[in-house]
Amino acid sequence: MYKLVILIEPQDHPAEFDSQWPLFLAAAERMPGLRREVTSRVDRVLHGAFQAHLIHELYFDSLTAAGQAMGSPEGEHAGQVLQQISGGKVTLLLADHLEDEVAAFMGDAPAAPPTGPA
């Protein structure tokens, strides 16, 4: 699975941006091949210099599907809306998304024997 990660930088007028955010969501949700989306409002930066107002992730079956979605008329429209409402204060990333459930690696598997001198 691949995801398009959209990092929205702090906005000059955050209330105005937030009121227009649904315009982007409506446009992005029309992108072909979209499987899932997630929005996260950044509460605080714990370490590092990058500041973000919001993180949005759009999930696709493959890198090819993500590229086709972004290059589609719906994807291009969503990109235009995003640029318009954010004033261009965005960073876009494509990421190979691997996910595992905690139970899959914390379940009933036997503990590894200790290593090193006893």
Protein backbone atom coordinates (compact mmCIF):
# COMPACT_ATOMS: atom_id res chain seq x y z
CA MET A 1 0.00 0.00 0.00
CA TYR A 2 1.21 3.53 -0.74
CA LYS A 3 0.16 6.77 0.85
CA LEU A 4 0.37 10.38 -0.13
CA VAL A 5 1.31 12.29 3.01
CA ILE A 6 0.38 15.98 3.04
CA LEU A 7 2.07 18.12 5.67
CA ILE A 8 0.28 21.43 6.13
CA GLU A 9 2.52 24.11 7.60
CA PRO A 10 1.17 26.62 10.13
CA GLN A 11 -1.15 28.99 8.33
CA ASP A 12 -1.24 32.78 8.51
CA HIS A 13 -5.01 32.59 9.02
CA PRO A 14 -5.70 29.18 10.57
CA ALA A 15 -9.43 29.72 11.13
CA GLU A 16 -9.88 30.62 7.45
CA PHE A 17 -7.84 27.57 6.40
CA ASP A 18 -9.88 25.30 8.68
CA SER A 19 -13.15 26.64 7.27
CA GLN A 20 -11.95 25.86 3.71
CA TRP A 21 -10.42 22.45 4.52
CA PRO A 22 -13.69 20.60 3.67
CA LEU A 23 -13.34 21.92 0.09
CA PHE A 24 -10.10 19.99 -0.25
CA LEU A 25 -11.56 16.89 1.41
CA ALA A 26 -14.50 16.86 -1.01
CA ALA A 27 -12.12 17.15 -3.97
CA ALA A 28 -9.62 14.55 -2.70
CA GLU A 29 -12.32 12.02 -1.95
CA ARG A 30 -13.16 11.93 -5.67
CA MET A 31 -9.66 10.73 -6.61
CA PRO A 32 -9.81 7.34 -8.34
CA GLY A 33 -8.38 4.43 -6.38
CA LEU A 34 -8.49 6.16 -3.00
CA ARG A 35 -8.81 3.46 -0.33
CA ARG A 36 -8.62 5.41 2.92
CA GLU A 37 -7.81 8.82 4.29
CA VAL A 38 -6.68 10.09 7.68
CA THR A 39 -6.46 13.62 9.06
CA SER A 40 -4.35 14.44 12.12
CA ARG A 41 -4.27 17.85 13.75
CA VAL A 42 -0.80 18.45 15.17
CA ASP A 43 -1.01 19.21 18.87
CA ARG A 44 2.67 19.86 19.53
CA VAL A 45 6.14 19.24 18.13
CA LEU A 46 8.17 17.12 20.52
CA HIS A 47 11.49 17.34 18.70
CA GLY A 48 12.81 18.92 15.54
CA ALA A 49 12.36 22.17 13.68
CA PHE A 50 9.51 21.28 11.32
CA GLN A 51 6.22 22.86 12.31
CA ALA A 52 2.93 21.46 11.08
CA HIS A 53 -0.69 22.50 11.47
CA LEU A 54 -2.15 19.33 10.02
CA ILE A 55 -1.14 15.98 8.50
CA HIS A 56 -3.39 14.34 5.93
CA GLU A 57 -2.81 10.90 4.43
CA LEU A 58 -4.41 9.43 1.31
CA TYR A 59 -3.98 5.66 0.88
CA PHE A 60 -3.77 3.76 -2.41
CA ASP A 61 -3.14 0.13 -3.36
CA SER A 62 0.19 0.84 -5.06
CA LEU A 63 2.61 3.53 -6.16
CA THR A 64 1.11 3.24 -9.65
CA ALA A 65 -2.41 3.78 -8.29
CA ALA A 66 -1.23 6.83 -6.29
CA GLY A 67 0.42 8.30 -9.39
CA GLN A 68 -2.64 7.70 -11.52
CA ALA A 69 -4.88 9.31 -8.89
CA MET A 70 -2.69 12.39 -8.61
CA GLY A 71 -2.49 12.71 -12.40
CA SER A 72 -6.22 12.31 -12.88
CA PRO A 73 -8.46 15.36 -13.42
CA GLU A 74 -9.84 14.78 -9.90
CA GLY A 75 -6.34 14.61 -8.43
CA GLU A 76 -5.21 17.73 -10.25
CA HIS A 77 -8.31 19.57 -9.04
CA ALA A 78 -7.65 18.46 -5.45
CA GLY A 79 -4.06 19.70 -5.76
CA GLN A 80 -5.23 23.08 -7.01
CA VAL A 81 -7.69 23.41 -4.13
CA LEU A 82 -4.97 22.45 -1.65
CA GLN A 83 -2.56 25.03 -3.05
CA GLN A 84 -5.24 27.70 -3.01
CA ILE A 85 -6.45 27.18 0.57
CA SER A 86 -2.95 26.67 2.02
CA GLY A 87 -1.15 29.43 0.17
CA GLY A 88 1.32 26.77 -0.98
CA LYS A 89 2.46 26.05 2.59
CA VAL A 90 2.47 22.28 2.10
CA THR A 91 4.92 19.42 1.73
CA LEU A 92 3.88 16.28 -0.17
CA LEU A 93 5.50 12.90 0.40
CA LEU A 94 4.88 9.47 -1.14
CA ALA A 95 5.53 6.60 1.25
CA ASP A 96 5.45 2.83 1.02
CA HIS A 97 3.06 2.06 3.87
CA LEU A 98 3.63 -1.10 5.90
CA GLU A 99 1.41 -1.76 8.89
CA ASP A 100 1.29 -4.43 11.55
CA GLU A 101 -1.02 -5.07 14.47
CA VAL A 102 0.63 -5.21 17.90
CA ALA A 103 -0.97 -8.61 18.48
CA ALA A 104 0.94 -9.98 15.50
CA PHE A 105 4.29 -9.46 17.19
CA MET A 106 3.32 -9.40 20.88
CA GLY A 107 0.96 -12.39 20.90
CA ASP A 108 1.70 -15.78 22.28
CA ALA A 109 5.04 -16.13 20.52
CA PRO A 110 7.70 -17.59 22.83
CA ALA A 111 10.26 -15.15 24.15
CA ALA A 112 13.68 -15.31 22.57
CA PRO A 113 16.31 -16.95 24.78
CA PRO A 114 18.68 -14.50 26.48
CA THR A 115 21.98 -13.90 24.72
CA GLY A 116 25.39 -13.29 26.24
CA PRO A 117 27.08 -14.72 29.31
CA ALA A 118 24.86 -16.05 32.09
